[in-house]
Amino acid sequence: MKINDFFKNKAWQKWDKSQWTIVILAGILLMILAIPVEEEKGGEKSVKEANVKVQTKEAVIEMTYAEELEQKLENTLAKIDGAGHVEVMITLEDSGESVIEKDSSMDTTNSTESDSAGGNRKESQTISSEATVYEENEDGQVPFVGKELTPKIAGILVVAQGGENTQVKQNISEAVMALFQIDVNRIKVVKMNMQEEK
């Protein structure tokens, strides 16, 4: 039977409930199968696009973050008695980290087994799953960033006019250690060149 004949003869009007139920269930099944595929592809695309945007922004953020810290540290250290004019260089270990929010869920299933000796054994199985939380913005759907971790500092160089004085060096080192929680071996304080002082 051709499709045109099927509709002209109105054969579908002669169907019983079981045939209609099969057609409706097949339609619902096709809709269910189609929806997650589209969302998953879109979600993967959003995550990839967001990662590329984050990586390109990281270089700019890293530079800006280091420069901002250097400027603030120069202004602060220059106020230390005997330090004089100060220039600072900060190197970073990484570019920080964006922590993406995850939605966690746990499912527990319980079962009881009987053995041949008449004993019962209860089993419980817990399955945990995580799903990325998304937010809408002008770029579409992107992962929701729960918190931003600042870049870690690798080392700090301080060039100061009063860098030859032991007490000034110690005061500068202790100030930097207190501000950035880094070890003294990551801090170097040196005397500024006479030509730079002018």
Protein backbone atom coordinates (compact mmCIF):
# COMPACT_ATOMS: atom_id res chain seq x y z
CA MET A 1 0.00 0.00 0.00
CA LYS A 2 1.36 3.41 -0.99
CA ILE A 3 1.32 6.38 1.37
CA ASN A 4 -1.08 8.33 -0.88
CA ASP A 5 -3.49 5.38 -0.94
CA PHE A 6 -3.22 5.14 2.83
CA PHE A 7 -4.48 8.71 3.31
CA LYS A 8 -7.03 8.60 0.43
CA ASN A 9 -8.63 5.42 1.67
CA LYS A 10 -8.49 6.69 5.25
CA ALA A 11 -7.10 3.37 6.42
CA TRP A 12 -5.83 5.01 9.56
CA GLN A 13 -9.42 5.59 10.68
CA LYS A 14 -9.89 1.83 10.97
CA TRP A 15 -7.03 1.36 13.44
CA ASP A 16 -7.76 0.01 16.90
CA LYS A 17 -6.40 1.39 20.20
CA SER A 18 -3.28 -0.80 20.22
CA GLN A 19 -2.15 0.48 16.80
CA TRP A 20 -2.72 4.11 17.86
CA THR A 21 -0.85 3.48 21.12
CA ILE A 22 2.16 2.11 19.20
CA VAL A 23 2.22 5.15 16.87
CA ILE A 24 1.96 7.61 19.78
CA LEU A 25 4.66 5.83 21.82
CA ALA A 26 6.96 5.71 18.80
CA GLY A 27 6.49 9.46 18.31
CA ILE A 28 7.23 10.19 21.97
CA LEU A 29 10.30 7.93 21.84
CA LEU A 30 11.64 9.77 18.78
CA MET A 31 11.13 13.13 20.52
CA ILE A 32 12.94 11.94 23.66
CA LEU A 33 15.85 10.58 21.64
CA ALA A 34 16.20 13.78 19.62
CA ILE A 35 16.18 16.31 22.49
CA PRO A 36 19.28 15.22 24.48
CA VAL A 37 21.38 14.86 21.32
CA GLU A 38 20.77 18.48 20.36
CA GLU A 39 21.41 19.78 23.89
CA GLU A 40 24.56 17.73 24.29
CA LYS A 41 26.06 18.99 21.03
CA GLY A 42 25.17 22.58 21.94
CA GLY A 43 26.53 22.12 25.47
CA GLU A 44 29.83 20.70 24.20
CA LYS A 45 30.12 23.57 21.75
CA SER A 46 29.44 26.11 24.51
CA VAL A 47 32.06 24.55 26.78
CA LYS A 48 34.67 24.53 23.99
CA GLU A 49 33.89 28.14 23.02
CA ALA A 50 33.99 29.23 26.67
CA ASN A 51 37.35 27.49 27.18
CA VAL A 52 38.84 29.25 24.14
CA LYS A 53 37.54 32.62 25.36
CA VAL A 54 38.86 31.96 28.87
CA GLN A 55 42.30 31.00 27.49
CA THR A 56 42.58 34.14 25.38
CA LYS A 57 41.45 36.31 28.28
CA GLU A 58 43.86 34.55 30.68
CA ALA A 59 46.93 36.04 29.00
CA VAL A 60 45.47 39.55 29.24
CA ILE A 61 44.28 38.99 32.82
CA GLU A 62 47.67 37.56 33.85
CA MET A 63 49.51 40.60 32.48
CA THR A 64 47.08 43.05 34.01
CA TYR A 65 47.12 41.25 37.36
CA ALA A 66 50.94 41.22 37.55
CA GLU A 67 51.21 44.86 36.46
CA GLU A 68 48.61 45.95 39.00
CA LEU A 69 50.42 44.10 41.81
CA GLU A 70 53.76 45.57 40.75
CA GLN A 71 52.39 49.12 40.80
CA LYS A 72 50.77 48.71 44.22
CA LEU A 73 53.89 47.07 45.65
CA GLU A 74 56.17 49.80 44.26
CA ASN A 75 54.02 52.49 45.85
CA THR A 76 53.94 50.68 49.20
CA LEU A 77 57.63 49.72 49.38
CA ALA A 78 58.75 53.24 48.44
CA LYS A 79 57.23 54.41 51.73
CA ILE A 80 59.56 52.18 53.77
CA ASP A 81 62.18 54.28 55.57
CA GLY A 82 65.43 54.24 53.57
CA ALA A 83 64.03 52.38 50.55
CA GLY A 84 63.94 55.43 48.26
CA HIS A 85 62.77 54.93 44.67
CA VAL A 86 61.58 51.33 44.12
CA GLU A 87 60.85 49.23 41.03
CA VAL A 88 59.26 45.80 41.26
CA MET A 89 58.99 42.82 38.91
CA ILE A 90 56.59 39.97 39.70
CA THR A 91 56.53 36.64 37.87
CA LEU A 92 53.52 34.34 38.06
CA GLU A 93 53.48 30.54 38.18
CA ASP A 94 50.15 30.24 36.39
CA SER A 95 47.25 32.30 35.14
CA GLY A 96 44.88 31.47 37.98
CA GLU A 97 41.95 29.13 37.85
CA SER A 98 38.25 29.39 37.14
CA VAL A 99 36.24 26.91 39.20
CA ILE A 100 33.15 25.84 37.27
CA GLU A 101 30.04 25.06 39.33
CA LYS A 102 28.89 21.45 39.30
CA ASP A 103 25.48 20.16 40.32
CA SER A 104 25.95 16.91 42.26
CA SER A 105 23.39 14.19 42.80
CA MET A 106 23.47 10.82 44.52
CA ASP A 107 21.26 7.82 43.86
CA THR A 108 21.14 4.91 46.31
CA THR A 109 19.76 1.50 45.48
CA ASN A 110 19.12 -1.16 48.11
CA SER A 111 18.77 -4.87 47.44
CA THR A 112 18.40 -8.01 49.56
CA GLU A 113 19.81 -11.38 48.57
CA SER A 114 18.99 -14.74 50.11
CA ASP A 115 21.47 -17.58 50.17
CA SER A 116 20.81 -21.34 50.23
CA ALA A 117 21.41 -21.51 54.00
CA GLY A 118 18.46 -19.21 54.66
CA GLY A 119 20.47 -16.09 55.44
CA ASN A 120 19.78 -12.67 54.01
CA ARG A 121 22.30 -10.12 52.89
CA LYS A 122 21.48 -6.48 52.27
CA GLU A 123 23.42 -4.51 49.67
CA SER A 124 23.39 -0.81 49.14
CA GLN A 125 24.92 0.87 46.12
CA THR A 126 25.40 4.62 45.84
CA ILE A 127 26.05 6.26 42.49
CA SER A 128 27.06 9.90 42.39
CA SER A 129 26.98 12.09 39.30
CA GLU A 130 27.95 15.64 38.47
CA ALA A 131 26.61 17.96 35.80
CA THR A 132 28.01 21.33 34.78
CA VAL A 133 25.82 24.32 35.67
CA TYR A 134 25.25 26.71 32.75
CA GLU A 135 24.21 30.35 32.56
CA GLU A 136 22.86 32.42 29.70
CA ASN A 137 24.73 35.50 28.44
CA GLU A 138 25.21 37.35 25.14
CA ASP A 139 27.37 34.46 23.83
CA GLY A 140 24.67 31.89 24.55
CA GLN A 141 24.91 29.18 27.16
CA VAL A 142 28.27 29.08 29.00
CA PRO A 143 29.47 27.23 32.11
CA PHE A 144 28.82 29.11 35.36
CA VAL A 145 32.08 30.08 37.07
CA GLY A 146 31.63 29.71 40.83
CA LYS A 147 34.88 31.38 41.85
CA GLU A 148 38.09 32.72 40.40
CA LEU A 149 41.42 31.77 41.98
CA THR A 150 44.16 34.36 41.52
CA PRO A 151 47.45 33.38 39.88
CA LYS A 152 50.22 32.08 42.15
CA ILE A 153 53.34 34.19 42.47
CA ALA A 154 56.60 32.52 41.41
CA GLY A 155 59.00 35.27 42.46
CA ILE A 156 59.44 38.96 43.21
CA LEU A 157 62.41 41.17 42.37
CA VAL A 158 62.68 44.51 44.18
CA VAL A 159 65.18 47.09 42.92
CA ALA A 160 65.49 49.89 45.49
CA GLN A 161 67.74 52.91 45.96
CA GLY A 162 68.37 51.82 49.55
CA GLY A 163 68.88 48.17 48.53
CA GLU A 164 72.46 48.03 49.87
CA ASN A 165 71.33 48.66 53.47
CA THR A 166 70.80 45.36 55.35
CA GLN A 167 67.96 46.70 57.50
CA VAL A 168 66.12 48.12 54.45
CA LYS A 169 66.54 44.78 52.62
CA GLN A 170 65.13 42.92 55.62
CA ASN A 171 62.19 45.31 55.97
CA ILE A 172 61.35 45.00 52.26
CA SER A 173 61.62 41.19 52.33
CA GLU A 174 59.43 40.91 55.42
CA ALA A 175 56.84 43.26 53.93
CA VAL A 176 56.68 41.23 50.70
CA MET A 177 56.46 37.93 52.63
CA ALA A 178 53.60 39.29 54.73
CA LEU A 179 51.70 40.61 51.71
CA PHE A 180 52.03 37.60 49.41
CA GLN A 181 52.61 34.64 51.76
CA ILE A 182 55.68 33.48 49.82
CA ASP A 183 59.01 32.15 51.06
CA VAL A 184 62.02 34.43 51.43
CA ASN A 185 63.90 32.45 48.76
CA ARG A 186 61.38 33.74 46.20
CA ILE A 187 62.18 37.37 47.02
CA LYS A 188 65.28 39.21 45.84
CA VAL A 189 66.06 42.77 46.97
CA VAL A 190 68.93 44.58 45.20
CA LYS A 191 70.39 48.08 45.08
CA MET A 192 69.31 50.27 42.20
CA ASN A 193 71.98 51.26 39.66
CA MET A 194 73.16 54.85 40.06
CA GLN A 195 72.06 55.70 36.50
CA GLU A 196 68.53 54.42 37.23
CA GLU A 197 68.27 56.55 40.37
CA LYS A 198 68.27 59.73 38.28
